[in-house]
Amino acid sequence: MRRPSKPASVVSARRSAPRFQMR
């Protein structure tokens, strides 16, 4: 939600796994 540079897939995975916050 900060940079739309990330695909929805990454955003969705990030919410599921806080470990994806790396990128």
Protein backbone atom coordinates (compact mmCIF):
# COMPACT_ATOMS: atom_id res chain seq x y z
CA MET A 1 0.00 0.00 0.00
CA ARG A 2 3.07 2.22 0.11
CA ARG A 3 4.53 1.53 -3.32
CA PRO A 4 2.40 0.00 -6.10
CA SER A 5 5.67 -1.35 -7.46
CA LYS A 6 4.85 -4.71 -5.91
CA PRO A 7 2.49 -7.20 -7.58
CA ALA A 8 -0.74 -8.17 -5.81
CA SER A 9 0.76 -11.63 -5.33
CA VAL A 10 3.58 -10.28 -3.18
CA VAL A 11 1.23 -8.03 -1.23
CA SER A 12 -1.11 -10.94 -0.56
CA ALA A 13 1.76 -13.19 0.51
CA ARG A 14 3.19 -10.42 2.67
CA ARG A 15 -0.07 -10.21 4.64
CA SER A 16 -0.09 -13.98 5.06
CA ALA A 17 3.61 -14.16 5.93
CA PRO A 18 5.20 -11.15 7.66
CA ARG A 19 8.54 -12.58 6.54
CA PHE A 20 7.84 -11.32 3.02
CA GLN A 21 8.26 -7.78 4.30
CA MET A 22 11.86 -8.02 3.12
CA ARG A 23 10.76 -6.65 -0.26
